[in-house]
Amino acid sequence: MGRLSRVFPQARLAAAAAVLGAVAFGWSGIVEAAGAPKAAPQAESVTSNPIRDAALKEFLQKKFRIGSASEIALGPMQKTSLPGIFQRQVTVSNDKGQSVTVTLFSDQNESKAIIGQYFDLGSDAWGRISMAPAHLDDRPTLGPADAPITMVEFADFECPYCARAFGEVETLANTTYKGKIRIIFKNYPLNGHPWARSAALAAECARLQNPSAFWDFARYFYSNQGQINPGNVQQKIDEEASKLGLDDAALKMCMQTPSTAQRIAQDEADGNALHVSSTPTFFVNGIPLVGLPEGKVFDFVISSELAANAAHASR
């Protein structure tokens, strides 16, 4: 994600400042809820239901992309002055000793809830999105085509958060979940990044000569963001193409071919159709992850999907 303001809209920055440093990107929805109106605490508590509490934690963990359910603590449920409405404190902490606490309002059965906005707790907590509108064929990939997990990444080679995510993504595909995950890269160069589009064209043309060269170019751009600018980007591309043994003349011609630009534009159109607005944005089997998730969040989402896939296969 290019800027923190994309996670915390400008109007909320002041209110979020006190907890901003304490909250991982995946908790942004909870932070937004911190300004929700709170009913006056009531002395009368309601006996908790361990099964419902566990279901609530699972929903919150998925909804806000929290790495571990153990990071969520639920306070006692209490009656409010509104008939049929109950409240409880929800505290999310991390291993750095940071935490944020908000108030959750619900019915007694905890089937509906409000945390800054209304949630149907019986709905899909992941907010899974259909990837049908996206063109996923003939794109840069890592991992086997039949992997049970497909992660689609929309990224920008000039984006510093994309650079930080790149190592994690390669590790997921090549080590941690090798053989179980397929990464599909989609170009989404942002308007404010002056050399990102040239880099996208070069990487795509490198892929057409040698699929693995795309990832070499990606690694090069991400590792050298500070040394690349609009004035020298073509020189840097030429140098990297030579190191990789690519046909430099063919690569330059490809970069000027309308079909190459059209493929980048198609990626951007796909991102817009999926409501991508910042980079990096990931879709893990359609589950959106915006920004740079902590490693635990990637692990939580991927392991949950693998477990669901295994359960479905055993039926």
C-alpha atoms as a PDB file:
ATOM      1  CA  MET A   1       0.000   0.000   0.000  1.00  0.00           C
ATOM      2  CA  GLY A   2       1.502   3.259  -1.103  1.00  0.00           C
ATOM      3  CA  ARG A   3       0.381   5.397   1.819  1.00  0.00           C
ATOM      4  CA  LEU A   4      -1.081   4.897   5.279  1.00  0.00           C
ATOM      5  CA  SER A   5      -3.815   7.367   4.349  1.00  0.00           C
ATOM      6  CA  ARG A   6      -5.161   4.742   1.959  1.00  0.00           C
ATOM      7  CA  VAL A   7      -5.869   2.531   4.968  1.00  0.00           C
ATOM      8  CA  PHE A   8      -6.903   5.326   7.309  1.00  0.00           C
ATOM      9  CA  PRO A   9      -8.823   8.003   5.339  1.00  0.00           C
ATOM     10  CA  GLN A  10      -7.590  11.532   5.991  1.00  0.00           C
ATOM     11  CA  ALA A  11     -10.604  12.488   8.066  1.00  0.00           C
ATOM     12  CA  ARG A  12      -9.834   9.675  10.504  1.00  0.00           C
ATOM     13  CA  LEU A  13      -6.090  10.157  10.835  1.00  0.00           C
ATOM     14  CA  ALA A  14      -6.283  12.373  13.899  1.00  0.00           C
ATOM     15  CA  ALA A  15      -8.653  10.041  15.720  1.00  0.00           C
ATOM     16  CA  ALA A  16      -6.573   7.013  14.787  1.00  0.00           C
ATOM     17  CA  ALA A  17      -3.231   8.532  15.766  1.00  0.00           C
ATOM     18  CA  ALA A  18      -3.305   7.172  19.311  1.00  0.00           C
ATOM     19  CA  VAL A  19      -3.668   3.580  18.159  1.00  0.00           C
ATOM     20  CA  LEU A  20      -2.135   3.748  14.682  1.00  0.00           C
ATOM     21  CA  GLY A  21       1.219   2.383  15.758  1.00  0.00           C
ATOM     22  CA  ALA A  22      -0.449  -0.381  17.748  1.00  0.00           C
ATOM     23  CA  VAL A  23      -2.532  -1.874  14.998  1.00  0.00           C
ATOM     24  CA  ALA A  24      -1.618  -4.113  12.071  1.00  0.00           C
ATOM     25  CA  PHE A  25      -2.981  -3.276   8.609  1.00  0.00           C
ATOM     26  CA  GLY A  26      -5.541  -6.052   8.849  1.00  0.00           C
ATOM     27  CA  TRP A  27      -7.147  -4.363  11.852  1.00  0.00           C
ATOM     28  CA  SER A  28      -8.073  -1.143  10.027  1.00  0.00           C
ATOM     29  CA  GLY A  29     -11.779  -1.948  10.133  1.00  0.00           C
ATOM     30  CA  ILE A  30     -11.621  -2.289  13.914  1.00  0.00           C
ATOM     31  CA  VAL A  31      -9.786   1.017  14.224  1.00  0.00           C
ATOM     32  CA  GLU A  32     -12.480   2.695  12.163  1.00  0.00           C
ATOM     33  CA  ALA A  33     -14.971   1.299  14.662  1.00  0.00           C
ATOM     34  CA  ALA A  34     -13.199   2.992  17.560  1.00  0.00           C
ATOM     35  CA  GLY A  35     -15.289   6.076  17.002  1.00  0.00           C
ATOM     36  CA  ALA A  36     -18.581   4.168  17.250  1.00  0.00           C
ATOM     37  CA  PRO A  37     -21.074   5.459  19.849  1.00  0.00           C
ATOM     38  CA  LYS A  38     -20.980   3.516  23.099  1.00  0.00           C
ATOM     39  CA  ALA A  39     -23.956   2.855  25.333  1.00  0.00           C
ATOM     40  CA  ALA A  40     -23.530   3.433  29.044  1.00  0.00           C
ATOM     41  CA  PRO A  41     -22.122   0.338  30.766  1.00  0.00           C
ATOM     42  CA  GLN A  42     -24.725  -1.673  32.671  1.00  0.00           C
ATOM     43  CA  ALA A  43     -24.096  -3.489  35.905  1.00  0.00           C
ATOM     44  CA  GLU A  44     -26.033  -6.569  34.827  1.00  0.00           C
ATOM     45  CA  SER A  45     -23.988  -9.061  32.834  1.00  0.00           C
ATOM     46  CA  VAL A  46     -25.352 -11.933  30.772  1.00  0.00           C
ATOM     47  CA  THR A  47     -23.947 -15.436  31.060  1.00  0.00           C
ATOM     48  CA  SER A  48     -21.649 -16.039  28.120  1.00  0.00           C
ATOM     49  CA  ASN A  49     -22.005 -18.945  25.734  1.00  0.00           C
ATOM     50  CA  PRO A  50     -18.593 -20.504  24.908  1.00  0.00           C
ATOM     51  CA  ILE A  51     -19.809 -21.850  21.557  1.00  0.00           C
ATOM     52  CA  ARG A  52     -21.160 -18.468  20.445  1.00  0.00           C
ATOM     53  CA  ASP A  53     -18.041 -16.721  21.755  1.00  0.00           C
ATOM     54  CA  ALA A  54     -15.837 -19.038  19.698  1.00  0.00           C
ATOM     55  CA  ALA A  55     -17.983 -18.390  16.607  1.00  0.00           C
ATOM     56  CA  LEU A  56     -17.760 -14.637  17.196  1.00  0.00           C
ATOM     57  CA  LYS A  57     -13.971 -14.793  17.510  1.00  0.00           C
ATOM     58  CA  GLU A  58     -13.739 -16.822  14.302  1.00  0.00           C
ATOM     59  CA  PHE A  59     -15.878 -14.265  12.445  1.00  0.00           C
ATOM     60  CA  LEU A  60     -13.846 -11.317  13.747  1.00  0.00           C
ATOM     61  CA  GLN A  61     -10.561 -13.065  12.963  1.00  0.00           C
ATOM     62  CA  LYS A  62     -11.602 -13.631   9.363  1.00  0.00           C
ATOM     63  CA  LYS A  63     -13.376 -10.302   8.886  1.00  0.00           C
ATOM     64  CA  PHE A  64     -10.464  -8.208  10.097  1.00  0.00           C
ATOM     65  CA  ARG A  65      -7.677 -10.566   8.962  1.00  0.00           C
ATOM     66  CA  ILE A  66      -6.259 -11.086  12.471  1.00  0.00           C
ATOM     67  CA  GLY A  67      -3.387 -13.558  12.526  1.00  0.00           C
ATOM     68  CA  SER A  68      -4.478 -15.583  15.561  1.00  0.00           C
ATOM     69  CA  ALA A  69      -7.738 -15.974  17.487  1.00  0.00           C
ATOM     70  CA  SER A  70      -5.671 -15.773  20.677  1.00  0.00           C
ATOM     71  CA  GLU A  71      -5.136 -12.071  19.909  1.00  0.00           C
ATOM     72  CA  ILE A  72      -8.874 -11.438  20.439  1.00  0.00           C
ATOM     73  CA  ALA A  73     -10.293 -11.036  23.964  1.00  0.00           C
ATOM     74  CA  LEU A  74     -14.029 -10.719  24.581  1.00  0.00           C
ATOM     75  CA  GLY A  75     -15.336  -8.907  27.638  1.00  0.00           C
ATOM     76  CA  PRO A  76     -18.559  -9.939  29.399  1.00  0.00           C
ATOM     77  CA  MET A  77     -21.830  -9.331  27.564  1.00  0.00           C
ATOM     78  CA  GLN A  78     -23.930  -6.656  29.267  1.00  0.00           C
ATOM     79  CA  LYS A  79     -27.439  -5.340  28.812  1.00  0.00           C
ATOM     80  CA  THR A  80     -27.845  -1.834  27.447  1.00  0.00           C
ATOM     81  CA  SER A  81     -30.681   0.617  27.964  1.00  0.00           C
ATOM     82  CA  LEU A  82     -32.072  -0.450  24.564  1.00  0.00           C
ATOM     83  CA  PRO A  83     -34.327  -3.541  24.725  1.00  0.00           C
ATOM     84  CA  GLY A  84     -32.761  -6.575  23.081  1.00  0.00           C
ATOM     85  CA  ILE A  85     -29.405  -4.849  22.525  1.00  0.00           C
ATOM     86  CA  PHE A  86     -26.291  -6.028  24.352  1.00  0.00           C
ATOM     87  CA  GLN A  87     -22.727  -4.763  24.430  1.00  0.00           C
ATOM     88  CA  ARG A  88     -19.286  -6.133  25.190  1.00  0.00           C
ATOM     89  CA  GLN A  89     -15.709  -4.954  24.889  1.00  0.00           C
ATOM     90  CA  VAL A  90     -13.498  -6.503  22.206  1.00  0.00           C
ATOM     91  CA  THR A  91      -9.738  -6.127  22.655  1.00  0.00           C
ATOM     92  CA  VAL A  92      -7.256  -7.067  19.944  1.00  0.00           C
ATOM     93  CA  SER A  93      -3.594  -7.355  20.982  1.00  0.00           C
ATOM     94  CA  ASN A  94      -0.423  -8.412  19.223  1.00  0.00           C
ATOM     95  CA  ASP A  95       2.898  -9.912  20.262  1.00  0.00           C
ATOM     96  CA  LYS A  96       4.442  -6.425  20.469  1.00  0.00           C
ATOM     97  CA  GLY A  97       2.264  -5.579  23.468  1.00  0.00           C
ATOM     98  CA  GLN A  98       0.059  -3.258  21.422  1.00  0.00           C
ATOM     99  CA  SER A  99      -3.729  -3.356  21.628  1.00  0.00           C
ATOM    100  CA  VAL A 100      -6.948  -1.612  20.711  1.00  0.00           C
ATOM    101  CA  THR A 101     -10.341  -1.956  22.419  1.00  0.00           C
ATOM    102  CA  VAL A 102     -13.740  -1.250  20.890  1.00  0.00           C
ATOM    103  CA  THR A 103     -17.369  -1.869  21.834  1.00  0.00           C
ATOM    104  CA  LEU A 104     -19.425  -4.473  20.009  1.00  0.00           C
ATOM    105  CA  PHE A 105     -23.234  -4.240  20.070  1.00  0.00           C
ATOM    106  CA  SER A 106     -25.313  -7.329  19.276  1.00  0.00           C
ATOM    107  CA  ASP A 107     -28.518  -9.216  19.934  1.00  0.00           C
ATOM    108  CA  GLN A 108     -28.391 -11.725  22.771  1.00  0.00           C
ATOM    109  CA  ASN A 109     -27.772 -14.645  20.417  1.00  0.00           C
ATOM    110  CA  GLU A 110     -24.909 -12.748  18.754  1.00  0.00           C
ATOM    111  CA  SER A 111     -26.304 -13.383  15.286  1.00  0.00           C
ATOM    112  CA  LYS A 112     -26.076  -9.700  14.282  1.00  0.00           C
ATOM    113  CA  ALA A 113     -23.533  -7.133  15.411  1.00  0.00           C
ATOM    114  CA  ILE A 114     -22.452  -3.532  15.045  1.00  0.00           C
ATOM    115  CA  ILE A 115     -18.779  -2.529  15.279  1.00  0.00           C
ATOM    116  CA  GLY A 116     -18.807   0.851  13.628  1.00  0.00           C
ATOM    117  CA  GLN A 117     -20.955  -0.770  10.934  1.00  0.00           C
ATOM    118  CA  TYR A 118     -23.586  -3.483  10.822  1.00  0.00           C
ATOM    119  CA  PHE A 119     -22.483  -7.107  10.358  1.00  0.00           C
ATOM    120  CA  ASP A 120     -24.568 -10.177   9.707  1.00  0.00           C
ATOM    121  CA  LEU A 121     -22.555 -12.727  11.678  1.00  0.00           C
ATOM    122  CA  GLY A 122     -24.105 -15.528   9.649  1.00  0.00           C
ATOM    123  CA  SER A 123     -22.671 -14.200   6.401  1.00  0.00           C
ATOM    124  CA  ASP A 124     -19.307 -15.043   4.829  1.00  0.00           C
ATOM    125  CA  ALA A 125     -16.821 -13.339   7.129  1.00  0.00           C
ATOM    126  CA  TRP A 126     -14.135 -13.427   4.441  1.00  0.00           C
ATOM    127  CA  GLY A 127     -16.035 -11.136   2.096  1.00  0.00           C
ATOM    128  CA  ARG A 128     -14.906 -13.415  -0.727  1.00  0.00           C
ATOM    129  CA  ILE A 129     -15.017 -11.886  -4.216  1.00  0.00           C
ATOM    130  CA  SER A 130     -15.608 -13.705  -7.499  1.00  0.00           C
ATOM    131  CA  MET A 131     -12.502 -13.562  -9.660  1.00  0.00           C
ATOM    132  CA  ALA A 132     -14.523 -14.307 -12.802  1.00  0.00           C
ATOM    133  CA  PRO A 133     -14.104 -10.754 -14.192  1.00  0.00           C
ATOM    134  CA  ALA A 134     -10.298 -11.006 -14.068  1.00  0.00           C
ATOM    135  CA  HIS A 135      -8.145 -12.240 -16.933  1.00  0.00           C
ATOM    136  CA  LEU A 136      -5.846 -14.776 -15.254  1.00  0.00           C
ATOM    137  CA  ASP A 137      -4.559 -16.724 -18.246  1.00  0.00           C
ATOM    138  CA  ASP A 138      -1.278 -15.783 -19.935  1.00  0.00           C
ATOM    139  CA  ARG A 139      -0.006 -13.895 -16.885  1.00  0.00           C
ATOM    140  CA  PRO A 140       3.169 -14.259 -14.763  1.00  0.00           C
ATOM    141  CA  THR A 141       2.787 -17.188 -12.366  1.00  0.00           C
ATOM    142  CA  LEU A 142       4.627 -19.032  -9.620  1.00  0.00           C
ATOM    143  CA  GLY A 143       3.533 -22.486  -8.505  1.00  0.00           C
ATOM    144  CA  PRO A 144       1.580 -25.315 -10.165  1.00  0.00           C
ATOM    145  CA  ALA A 145      -1.599 -24.682 -12.145  1.00  0.00           C
ATOM    146  CA  ASP A 146      -3.525 -27.269 -10.079  1.00  0.00           C
ATOM    147  CA  ALA A 147      -2.592 -25.824  -6.676  1.00  0.00           C
ATOM    148  CA  PRO A 148      -5.556 -25.646  -4.260  1.00  0.00           C
ATOM    149  CA  ILE A 149      -4.730 -22.014  -3.426  1.00  0.00           C
ATOM    150  CA  THR A 150      -4.621 -19.275  -6.039  1.00  0.00           C
ATOM    151  CA  MET A 151      -3.278 -15.906  -4.920  1.00  0.00           C
ATOM    152  CA  VAL A 152      -3.783 -13.051  -7.367  1.00  0.00           C
ATOM    153  CA  GLU A 153      -1.625 -10.003  -6.647  1.00  0.00           C
ATOM    154  CA  PHE A 154      -2.156  -6.530  -8.091  1.00  0.00           C
ATOM    155  CA  ALA A 155       1.133  -4.666  -7.738  1.00  0.00           C
ATOM    156  CA  ASP A 156       3.231  -1.707  -8.874  1.00  0.00           C
ATOM    157  CA  PHE A 157       7.011  -2.010  -9.329  1.00  0.00           C
ATOM    158  CA  GLU A 158       7.550   1.463  -7.845  1.00  0.00           C
ATOM    159  CA  CYS A 159       5.460   0.732  -4.732  1.00  0.00           C
ATOM    160  CA  PRO A 160       7.629   0.268  -1.591  1.00  0.00           C
ATOM    161  CA  TYR A 161       5.047  -1.953   0.107  1.00  0.00           C
ATOM    162  CA  CYS A 162       4.964  -4.193  -2.968  1.00  0.00           C
ATOM    163  CA  ALA A 163       8.739  -4.475  -2.668  1.00  0.00           C
ATOM    164  CA  ARG A 164       8.409  -5.556   0.953  1.00  0.00           C
ATOM    165  CA  ALA A 165       5.697  -8.069   0.035  1.00  0.00           C
ATOM    166  CA  PHE A 166       7.708  -9.611  -2.807  1.00  0.00           C
ATOM    167  CA  GLY A 167      10.016 -11.643  -0.578  1.00  0.00           C
ATOM    168  CA  GLU A 168       7.074 -12.984   1.409  1.00  0.00           C
ATOM    169  CA  VAL A 169       5.201 -13.942  -1.752  1.00  0.00           C
ATOM    170  CA  GLU A 170       8.221 -15.792  -3.179  1.00  0.00           C
ATOM    171  CA  THR A 171       8.689 -17.628   0.127  1.00  0.00           C
ATOM    172  CA  LEU A 172       5.034 -18.681   0.163  1.00  0.00           C
ATOM    173  CA  ALA A 173       5.276 -20.128  -3.349  1.00  0.00           C
ATOM    174  CA  ASN A 174       8.771 -21.604  -3.217  1.00  0.00           C
ATOM    175  CA  THR A 175       9.075 -22.768   0.388  1.00  0.00           C
ATOM    176  CA  THR A 176       6.258 -22.478   2.928  1.00  0.00           C
ATOM    177  CA  TYR A 177       3.412 -23.704   0.719  1.00  0.00           C
ATOM    178  CA  LYS A 178       5.378 -25.103  -2.189  1.00  0.00           C
ATOM    179  CA  GLY A 179       3.113 -27.070  -4.502  1.00  0.00           C
ATOM    180  CA  LYS A 180      -0.001 -25.838  -2.678  1.00  0.00           C
ATOM    181  CA  ILE A 181      -0.205 -22.244  -3.883  1.00  0.00           C
ATOM    182  CA  ARG A 182      -0.142 -20.551  -7.256  1.00  0.00           C
ATOM    183  CA  ILE A 183       0.715 -16.852  -7.496  1.00  0.00           C
ATOM    184  CA  ILE A 184      -0.675 -14.856 -10.417  1.00  0.00           C
ATOM    185  CA  PHE A 185       0.758 -11.372 -10.912  1.00  0.00           C
ATOM    186  CA  LYS A 186      -1.355  -8.528 -12.292  1.00  0.00           C
ATOM    187  CA  ASN A 187       0.152  -5.138 -13.150  1.00  0.00           C
ATOM    188  CA  TYR A 188      -1.461  -2.139 -11.505  1.00  0.00           C
ATOM    189  CA  PRO A 189       0.899   0.839 -12.013  1.00  0.00           C
ATOM    190  CA  LEU A 190      -0.308   3.835 -10.027  1.00  0.00           C
ATOM    191  CA  ASN A 191      -0.642   7.255 -11.648  1.00  0.00           C
ATOM    192  CA  GLY A 192       1.694   8.882  -9.126  1.00  0.00           C
ATOM    193  CA  HIS A 193       4.598   6.558  -9.968  1.00  0.00           C
ATOM    194  CA  PRO A 194       6.322   7.957 -13.076  1.00  0.00           C
ATOM    195  CA  TRP A 195       8.416   4.924 -14.108  1.00  0.00           C
ATOM    196  CA  ALA A 196       6.113   2.115 -12.947  1.00  0.00           C
ATOM    197  CA  ARG A 197       4.388   1.724 -16.317  1.00  0.00           C
ATOM    198  CA  SER A 198       7.698   1.436 -18.205  1.00  0.00           C
ATOM    199  CA  ALA A 199       8.783  -1.208 -15.697  1.00  0.00           C
ATOM    200  CA  ALA A 200       5.516  -3.099 -16.177  1.00  0.00           C
ATOM    201  CA  LEU A 201       5.968  -3.083 -19.965  1.00  0.00           C
ATOM    202  CA  ALA A 202       9.584  -4.277 -19.660  1.00  0.00           C
ATOM    203  CA  ALA A 203       8.757  -7.090 -17.239  1.00  0.00           C
ATOM    204  CA  GLU A 204       5.887  -8.258 -19.426  1.00  0.00           C
ATOM    205  CA  CYS A 205       8.092  -8.270 -22.535  1.00  0.00           C
ATOM    206  CA  ALA A 206      10.802 -10.147 -20.632  1.00  0.00           C
ATOM    207  CA  ARG A 207       8.176 -12.758 -19.691  1.00  0.00           C
ATOM    208  CA  LEU A 208       7.262 -13.231 -23.342  1.00  0.00           C
ATOM    209  CA  GLN A 209      10.893 -14.118 -24.083  1.00  0.00           C
ATOM    210  CA  ASN A 210      11.414 -16.220 -20.945  1.00  0.00           C
ATOM    211  CA  PRO A 211       8.686 -16.673 -18.270  1.00  0.00           C
ATOM    212  CA  SER A 212      11.212 -16.825 -15.411  1.00  0.00           C
ATOM    213  CA  ALA A 213      12.759 -13.534 -16.560  1.00  0.00           C
ATOM    214  CA  PHE A 214       9.627 -11.721 -15.395  1.00  0.00           C
ATOM    215  CA  TRP A 215      10.416 -12.582 -11.783  1.00  0.00           C
ATOM    216  CA  ASP A 216      14.064 -11.609 -12.277  1.00  0.00           C
ATOM    217  CA  PHE A 217      12.942  -8.213 -13.534  1.00  0.00           C
ATOM    218  CA  ALA A 218      10.456  -7.867 -10.667  1.00  0.00           C
ATOM    219  CA  ARG A 219      13.193  -8.645  -8.135  1.00  0.00           C
ATOM    220  CA  TYR A 220      15.502  -6.145  -9.830  1.00  0.00           C
ATOM    221  CA  PHE A 221      12.947  -3.304  -9.850  1.00  0.00           C
ATOM    222  CA  TYR A 222      11.939  -3.898  -6.246  1.00  0.00           C
ATOM    223  CA  SER A 223      15.536  -4.131  -5.030  1.00  0.00           C
ATOM    224  CA  ASN A 224      16.641  -0.984  -6.835  1.00  0.00           C
ATOM    225  CA  GLN A 225      13.679   1.360  -6.450  1.00  0.00           C
ATOM    226  CA  GLY A 226      15.900   4.065  -4.956  1.00  0.00           C
ATOM    227  CA  GLN A 227      18.273   4.058  -7.933  1.00  0.00           C
ATOM    228  CA  ILE A 228      15.642   4.137 -10.702  1.00  0.00           C
ATOM    229  CA  ASN A 229      13.975   7.297 -12.005  1.00  0.00           C
ATOM    230  CA  PRO A 230      12.120   8.339 -15.192  1.00  0.00           C
ATOM    231  CA  GLY A 231      15.357   9.557 -16.741  1.00  0.00           C
ATOM    232  CA  ASN A 232      17.312   6.318 -16.381  1.00  0.00           C
ATOM    233  CA  VAL A 233      14.630   3.625 -16.317  1.00  0.00           C
ATOM    234  CA  GLN A 234      15.225   2.546 -19.924  1.00  0.00           C
ATOM    235  CA  GLN A 235      18.975   2.325 -19.327  1.00  0.00           C
ATOM    236  CA  LYS A 236      18.344   0.180 -16.242  1.00  0.00           C
ATOM    237  CA  ILE A 237      15.994  -2.038 -18.260  1.00  0.00           C
ATOM    238  CA  ASP A 238      18.615  -2.464 -20.990  1.00  0.00           C
ATOM    239  CA  GLU A 239      21.299  -3.373 -18.451  1.00  0.00           C
ATOM    240  CA  GLU A 240      19.110  -5.962 -16.740  1.00  0.00           C
ATOM    241  CA  ALA A 241      18.001  -7.452 -20.062  1.00  0.00           C
ATOM    242  CA  SER A 242      21.661  -7.866 -21.041  1.00  0.00           C
ATOM    243  CA  LYS A 243      22.478  -9.584 -17.722  1.00  0.00           C
ATOM    244  CA  LEU A 244      19.601 -11.988 -18.252  1.00  0.00           C
ATOM    245  CA  GLY A 245      20.684 -12.792 -21.801  1.00  0.00           C
ATOM    246  CA  LEU A 246      17.509 -11.412 -23.371  1.00  0.00           C
ATOM    247  CA  ASP A 247      17.234  -9.991 -26.870  1.00  0.00           C
ATOM    248  CA  ASP A 248      17.358  -6.281 -26.006  1.00  0.00           C
ATOM    249  CA  ALA A 249      16.228  -5.074 -29.438  1.00  0.00           C
ATOM    250  CA  ALA A 250      13.229  -7.407 -29.386  1.00  0.00           C
ATOM    251  CA  LEU A 251      12.386  -6.311 -25.851  1.00  0.00           C
ATOM    252  CA  LYS A 252      12.400  -2.621 -26.825  1.00  0.00           C
ATOM    253  CA  MET A 253      10.203  -3.336 -29.840  1.00  0.00           C
ATOM    254  CA  CYS A 254       7.810  -5.330 -27.657  1.00  0.00           C
ATOM    255  CA  MET A 255       7.573  -2.441 -25.170  1.00  0.00           C
ATOM    256  CA  GLN A 256       6.363  -0.218 -28.016  1.00  0.00           C
ATOM    257  CA  THR A 257       3.840  -2.741 -29.349  1.00  0.00           C
ATOM    258  CA  PRO A 258       0.192  -1.757 -28.682  1.00  0.00           C
ATOM    259  CA  SER A 259      -0.737  -5.293 -27.592  1.00  0.00           C
ATOM    260  CA  THR A 260       1.698  -5.086 -24.665  1.00  0.00           C
ATOM    261  CA  ALA A 261       0.196  -1.826 -23.437  1.00  0.00           C
ATOM    262  CA  GLN A 262      -3.255  -3.336 -23.909  1.00  0.00           C
ATOM    263  CA  ARG A 263      -2.352  -6.257 -21.640  1.00  0.00           C
ATOM    264  CA  ILE A 264      -1.245  -3.854 -18.888  1.00  0.00           C
ATOM    265  CA  ALA A 265      -4.437  -1.838 -19.409  1.00  0.00           C
ATOM    266  CA  GLN A 266      -6.469  -5.048 -19.118  1.00  0.00           C
ATOM    267  CA  ASP A 267      -4.852  -5.787 -15.761  1.00  0.00           C
ATOM    268  CA  GLU A 268      -5.749  -2.286 -14.596  1.00  0.00           C
ATOM    269  CA  ALA A 269      -9.329  -2.676 -15.816  1.00  0.00           C
ATOM    270  CA  ASP A 270      -9.567  -6.026 -13.994  1.00  0.00           C
ATOM    271  CA  GLY A 271      -8.290  -4.368 -10.821  1.00  0.00           C
ATOM    272  CA  ASN A 272     -10.855  -1.603 -11.125  1.00  0.00           C
ATOM    273  CA  ALA A 273     -13.620  -4.178 -11.648  1.00  0.00           C
ATOM    274  CA  LEU A 274     -12.509  -5.861  -8.398  1.00  0.00           C
ATOM    275  CA  HIS A 275     -12.396  -2.484  -6.602  1.00  0.00           C
ATOM    276  CA  VAL A 276      -8.615  -2.422  -6.277  1.00  0.00           C
ATOM    277  CA  SER A 277      -7.520   1.094  -5.342  1.00  0.00           C
ATOM    278  CA  SER A 278      -4.039   0.619  -3.866  1.00  0.00           C
ATOM    279  CA  THR A 279      -1.073  -1.709  -4.057  1.00  0.00           C
ATOM    280  CA  PRO A 280      -0.364  -4.363  -3.148  1.00  0.00           C
ATOM    281  CA  THR A 281      -3.825  -5.939  -3.133  1.00  0.00           C
ATOM    282  CA  PHE A 282      -4.099  -9.721  -2.900  1.00  0.00           C
ATOM    283  CA  PHE A 283      -6.978 -12.122  -3.500  1.00  0.00           C
ATOM    284  CA  VAL A 284      -6.449 -15.541  -1.900  1.00  0.00           C
ATOM    285  CA  ASN A 285      -9.052 -17.810  -3.478  1.00  0.00           C
ATOM    286  CA  GLY A 286     -11.044 -14.606  -3.825  1.00  0.00           C
ATOM    287  CA  ILE A 287     -10.441 -13.437  -0.226  1.00  0.00           C
ATOM    288  CA  PRO A 288      -9.212  -9.817  -0.412  1.00  0.00           C
ATOM    289  CA  LEU A 289      -6.132  -8.741   1.555  1.00  0.00           C
ATOM    290  CA  VAL A 290      -5.311  -5.065   1.080  1.00  0.00           C
ATOM    291  CA  GLY A 291      -1.863  -3.716   1.864  1.00  0.00           C
ATOM    292  CA  LEU A 292       1.027  -5.689   3.311  1.00  0.00           C
ATOM    293  CA  PRO A 293      -0.405  -8.310   5.696  1.00  0.00           C
ATOM    294  CA  GLU A 294       1.743  -9.631   8.498  1.00  0.00           C
ATOM    295  CA  GLY A 295       3.081 -13.104   7.862  1.00  0.00           C
ATOM    296  CA  LYS A 296       0.635 -14.557  10.379  1.00  0.00           C
ATOM    297  CA  VAL A 297      -2.278 -13.163   8.388  1.00  0.00           C
ATOM    298  CA  PHE A 298      -1.081 -14.813   5.173  1.00  0.00           C
ATOM    299  CA  ASP A 299      -0.622 -18.058   7.112  1.00  0.00           C
ATOM    300  CA  PHE A 300      -4.062 -17.805   8.719  1.00  0.00           C
ATOM    301  CA  VAL A 301      -5.896 -17.225   5.435  1.00  0.00           C
ATOM    302  CA  ILE A 302      -3.944 -19.828   3.454  1.00  0.00           C
ATOM    303  CA  SER A 303      -4.077 -22.521   6.159  1.00  0.00           C
ATOM    304  CA  SER A 304      -7.823 -21.892   6.589  1.00  0.00           C
ATOM    305  CA  GLU A 305      -8.373 -22.373   2.867  1.00  0.00           C
ATOM    306  CA  LEU A 306      -6.224 -25.523   2.811  1.00  0.00           C
ATOM    307  CA  ALA A 307      -8.201 -26.957   5.742  1.00  0.00           C
ATOM    308  CA  ALA A 308     -11.510 -26.135   4.028  1.00  0.00           C
ATOM    309  CA  ASN A 309     -10.255 -27.721   0.807  1.00  0.00           C
ATOM    310  CA  ALA A 310      -9.183 -30.879   2.665  1.00  0.00           C
ATOM    311  CA  ALA A 311     -12.518 -31.099   4.462  1.00  0.00           C
ATOM    312  CA  HIS A 312     -14.391 -30.763   1.176  1.00  0.00           C
ATOM    313  CA  ALA A 313     -12.217 -33.428  -0.479  1.00  0.00           C
ATOM    314  CA  SER A 314     -12.873 -35.911   2.337  1.00  0.00           C
ATOM    315  CA  ARG A 315     -16.655 -35.777   1.935  1.00  0.00           C
END
